Amino acid sequence: MCANKLYSYFAELNRQARREDTPLDVEGLGKLLIISTTASQDLLDGFGAKLVLENNCEGVYSFPKSWFGSIFAVNKLPVTSGTLWLRILGKGKVQRNAVDELLALPDTNVYKENTLRLIANWRILTMKQSNLTDEDQEIIMNLSTAYVEWEQKTLESGRLEGEQKIIMRLLNQRFGEIEQPLIEQIRQLSTEQLEELTDVLFTLSATTDLEQWLHLRLNSVDS
């Protein structure tokens, strides 16, 4: 089925080239990458797929040249940071271990937040299906820990944004429109610090007091 889609696309490119009376750039054609949770040796042999030795990576097999494709057997991929994102698409223990690796990444990792969001959407969509298979139920269980972390982060982010809006409204009422540099400093405060600022707000007589308070709090965090 995957190959059929690829060759249908190639056929359309060929028809377009004929209409425009231009040569078809065979070398520039796309390559089909099939991601499979498992791939038996019989399946690989049946399609003539061979391990790509120059990639130095187990689990990546290429079809003969003119078939324009490769297959990634997720269960055979090495456990490295580079294969993590593919192993999340696996199943069983492979998927569970990959999810654990994802959660162990620091929050500063540029891919972690987006991956958690995608996993959460995947789990939600799977749960909405009317007739869940055993495989669907296993996916839901495997993704549960990642979903819980995403949910907590989403709630914390929403709470932080709400606290920021409240404190900005109170500050504007007390001191007039706050200048942008102070706004940027307020956005750096944690939820707990915003709550503390709310408590001491009416003890501040001027924006200079606010500047001093922010300076002390942000410097204590940096140190």
Protein backbone atom coordinates (compact mmCIF):
# COMPACT_ATOMS: atom_id res chain seq x y z
CA MET A 1 0.00 0.00 0.00
CA CYS A 2 2.84 2.41 0.82
CA ALA A 3 4.61 1.55 -2.44
CA ASN A 4 1.38 2.07 -4.39
CA LYS A 5 1.12 5.64 -3.09
CA LEU A 6 4.73 6.34 -4.01
CA TYR A 7 4.44 5.01 -7.55
CA SER A 8 1.13 6.78 -8.12
CA TYR A 9 2.94 9.99 -7.21
CA PHE A 10 5.79 9.12 -9.60
CA ALA A 11 3.27 8.44 -12.36
CA GLU A 12 1.73 11.87 -11.86
CA LEU A 13 5.17 13.49 -12.07
CA ASN A 14 5.84 11.56 -15.27
CA ARG A 15 2.54 12.71 -16.84
CA GLN A 16 3.31 16.29 -15.85
CA ALA A 17 6.78 16.05 -17.42
CA ARG A 18 5.24 14.78 -20.65
CA ARG A 19 2.67 17.57 -20.74
CA GLU A 20 5.42 20.13 -20.25
CA ASP A 21 7.74 18.28 -22.64
CA THR A 22 10.52 18.17 -20.05
CA PRO A 23 12.64 15.19 -18.97
CA LEU A 24 11.74 13.51 -15.69
CA ASP A 25 14.50 13.98 -13.12
CA VAL A 26 14.73 10.38 -11.94
CA GLU A 27 17.57 11.10 -9.51
CA GLY A 28 15.51 13.86 -7.92
CA LEU A 29 12.50 11.69 -7.19
CA GLY A 30 11.47 11.22 -3.60
CA LYS A 31 12.26 8.21 -1.47
CA LEU A 32 9.73 6.16 0.43
CA LEU A 33 10.54 5.71 4.12
CA ILE A 34 8.35 3.08 5.76
CA ILE A 35 8.31 3.07 9.57
CA SER A 36 7.20 -0.33 10.87
CA THR A 37 6.96 -1.41 14.51
CA THR A 38 8.39 -4.79 13.47
CA ALA A 39 9.78 -6.33 10.30
CA SER A 40 10.33 -10.07 10.07
CA GLN A 41 13.19 -11.49 8.06
CA ASP A 42 10.66 -13.10 5.70
CA LEU A 43 9.13 -9.69 4.99
CA LEU A 44 12.54 -8.09 4.41
CA ASP A 45 13.63 -10.93 2.15
CA GLY A 46 10.35 -10.76 0.25
CA PHE A 47 10.98 -7.14 -0.71
CA GLY A 48 14.71 -7.59 -1.16
CA ALA A 49 15.43 -5.16 1.68
CA LYS A 50 19.04 -5.20 2.91
CA LEU A 51 20.73 -3.72 5.95
CA VAL A 52 22.37 -0.40 5.04
CA LEU A 53 25.88 -0.97 6.33
CA GLU A 54 27.13 2.54 5.55
CA ASN A 55 24.48 3.96 7.91
CA ASN A 56 26.06 1.98 10.75
CA CYS A 57 22.58 1.62 12.21
CA GLU A 58 20.72 -1.60 12.90
CA GLY A 59 17.09 -1.65 11.87
CA VAL A 60 17.42 0.42 8.67
CA TYR A 61 16.95 -1.60 5.48
CA SER A 62 17.00 -0.38 1.88
CA PHE A 63 15.05 -1.80 -1.03
CA PRO A 64 16.84 -2.35 -4.35
CA LYS A 65 17.81 0.97 -5.97
CA SER A 66 14.98 1.24 -8.47
CA TRP A 67 12.36 0.68 -5.76
CA PHE A 68 13.24 4.04 -4.16
CA GLY A 69 12.62 3.10 -0.56
CA SER A 70 13.79 2.01 2.86
CA ILE A 71 12.13 0.43 5.85
CA PHE A 72 12.80 1.27 9.49
CA ALA A 73 12.15 -1.69 11.79
CA VAL A 74 11.54 0.16 15.06
CA ASN A 75 12.07 -2.87 17.27
CA LYS A 76 15.56 -3.38 15.82
CA LEU A 77 16.79 0.21 16.10
CA PRO A 78 19.65 0.86 18.54
CA VAL A 79 18.77 2.63 21.79
CA THR A 80 20.29 6.06 21.16
CA SER A 81 19.11 9.66 21.44
CA GLY A 82 18.98 9.81 17.65
CA THR A 83 16.44 6.98 17.40
CA LEU A 84 14.27 8.04 20.35
CA TRP A 85 11.64 9.79 18.23
CA LEU A 86 11.18 6.70 16.05
CA ARG A 87 11.13 4.28 18.98
CA ILE A 88 8.19 6.19 20.49
CA LEU A 89 6.26 4.89 17.46
CA GLY A 90 7.07 1.30 18.43
CA LYS A 91 4.98 -0.90 20.64
CA GLY A 92 5.24 -2.88 23.85
CA LYS A 93 8.46 -2.57 25.81
CA VAL A 94 10.17 -0.61 23.02
CA GLN A 95 7.57 2.13 23.22
CA ARG A 96 7.41 2.17 27.03
CA ASN A 97 11.18 2.52 27.34
CA ALA A 98 11.22 5.30 24.74
CA VAL A 99 8.54 7.23 26.64
CA ASP A 100 10.57 6.87 29.85
CA GLU A 101 13.64 8.24 28.03
CA LEU A 102 11.59 11.19 26.77
CA LEU A 103 10.37 12.04 30.28
CA ALA A 104 13.95 11.86 31.58
CA LEU A 105 15.07 14.58 29.15
CA PRO A 106 15.53 18.05 30.69
CA ASP A 107 12.69 20.50 30.15
CA THR A 108 15.14 22.68 28.22
CA ASN A 109 15.26 20.08 25.44
CA VAL A 110 13.82 21.79 22.36
CA TYR A 111 11.89 18.69 21.24
CA LYS A 112 10.45 17.51 24.54
CA GLU A 113 7.49 19.89 24.85
CA ASN A 114 6.30 19.40 21.27
CA THR A 115 6.70 15.62 21.52
CA LEU A 116 4.67 15.51 24.74
CA ARG A 117 1.93 17.52 23.03
CA LEU A 118 1.88 15.15 20.04
CA ILE A 119 1.81 12.10 22.33
CA ALA A 120 -1.09 13.61 24.28
CA ASN A 121 -3.05 14.19 21.06
CA TRP A 122 -2.27 10.64 19.93
CA ARG A 123 -3.54 9.18 23.21
CA ILE A 124 -6.71 11.32 23.16
CA LEU A 125 -7.52 10.35 19.56
CA THR A 126 -6.93 6.68 20.33
CA MET A 127 -9.26 6.81 23.35
CA LYS A 128 -12.00 8.39 21.23
CA GLN A 129 -12.18 5.31 19.01
CA SER A 130 -15.37 3.34 19.53
CA ASN A 131 -13.94 -0.18 19.34
CA LEU A 132 -10.54 -0.30 21.00
CA THR A 133 -8.33 -3.24 20.10
CA ASP A 134 -5.82 -4.79 22.48
CA GLU A 135 -3.11 -2.89 20.62
CA ASP A 136 -5.00 0.40 21.09
CA GLN A 137 -5.33 -0.25 24.82
CA GLU A 138 -1.62 -1.02 25.06
CA ILE A 139 -0.79 2.27 23.30
CA ILE A 140 -3.01 4.16 25.76
CA MET A 141 -1.21 2.56 28.70
CA ASN A 142 2.26 3.14 27.21
CA LEU A 143 1.54 6.82 26.60
CA SER A 144 -0.18 7.48 29.94
CA THR A 145 2.86 8.72 31.86
CA ALA A 146 3.77 11.15 29.08
CA TYR A 147 0.15 12.31 28.91
CA VAL A 148 0.06 13.00 32.66
CA GLU A 149 3.24 15.10 32.47
CA TRP A 150 1.88 17.04 29.48
CA GLU A 151 -1.40 17.65 31.35
CA GLN A 152 0.41 18.92 34.43
CA LYS A 153 2.63 21.23 32.37
CA THR A 154 -0.40 22.55 30.51
CA LEU A 155 -2.25 23.25 33.74
CA GLU A 156 0.80 24.96 35.25
CA SER A 157 1.27 27.07 32.12
CA GLY A 158 -2.40 28.11 32.16
CA ARG A 159 -2.22 28.94 35.85
CA LEU A 160 0.94 31.00 35.35
CA GLU A 161 -0.62 32.95 32.48
CA GLY A 162 -3.72 33.62 34.57
CA GLU A 163 -1.64 34.86 37.52
CA GLN A 164 0.30 37.18 35.20
CA LYS A 165 -2.90 38.73 33.83
CA ILE A 166 -4.28 39.31 37.33
CA ILE A 167 -1.12 40.93 38.67
CA MET A 168 -0.76 43.16 35.59
CA ARG A 169 -4.35 44.35 35.98
CA LEU A 170 -3.75 45.17 39.65
CA LEU A 171 -0.47 46.96 38.93
CA ASN A 172 -2.02 49.05 36.17
CA GLN A 173 -4.83 50.05 38.51
CA ARG A 174 -2.38 51.05 41.23
CA PHE A 175 0.45 52.70 39.28
CA GLY A 176 -0.96 53.36 35.84
CA GLU A 177 0.40 51.65 32.73
CA ILE A 178 3.52 49.66 33.56
CA GLU A 179 6.57 50.11 31.33
CA GLN A 180 7.71 47.23 29.12
CA PRO A 181 10.98 46.46 30.99
CA LEU A 182 8.99 45.84 34.19
CA ILE A 183 6.47 43.71 32.31
CA GLU A 184 9.30 41.52 31.02
CA GLN A 185 10.64 41.07 34.55
CA ILE A 186 7.19 40.14 35.86
CA ARG A 187 6.92 37.47 33.16
CA GLN A 188 10.06 35.86 34.56
CA LEU A 189 8.43 35.28 37.95
CA SER A 190 7.22 31.85 38.99
CA THR A 191 3.64 31.20 40.07
CA GLU A 192 4.69 31.30 43.73
CA GLN A 193 6.49 34.64 43.25
CA LEU A 194 3.46 36.12 41.49
CA GLU A 195 1.30 35.10 44.45
CA GLU A 196 3.83 36.71 46.78
CA LEU A 197 3.75 39.91 44.71
CA THR A 198 -0.04 39.95 44.97
CA ASP A 199 0.25 39.78 48.77
CA VAL A 200 2.72 42.69 49.02
CA LEU A 201 1.31 44.78 46.18
CA PHE A 202 -0.49 47.31 48.35
CA THR A 203 2.57 47.85 50.53
CA LEU A 204 4.41 49.25 47.49
CA SER A 205 4.11 53.01 47.23
CA ALA A 206 5.62 53.59 43.79
CA THR A 207 7.03 51.77 40.77
CA THR A 208 10.50 52.24 42.25
CA ASP A 209 9.42 49.97 45.12
CA LEU A 210 8.21 47.45 42.54
CA GLU A 211 11.55 47.66 40.70
CA GLN A 212 13.44 47.01 43.93
CA TRP A 213 11.18 44.07 44.83
CA LEU A 214 11.63 42.51 41.39
CA HIS A 215 15.38 43.05 41.52
CA LEU A 216 15.64 41.19 44.82
CA ARG A 217 13.45 38.27 43.71
CA LEU A 218 15.03 37.76 40.29
CA ASN A 219 18.57 38.08 41.61
CA SER A 220 17.86 35.54 44.33
CA VAL A 221 16.67 33.10 41.61
CA ASP A 222 19.76 33.73 39.46
CA SER A 223 22.12 33.24 42.38
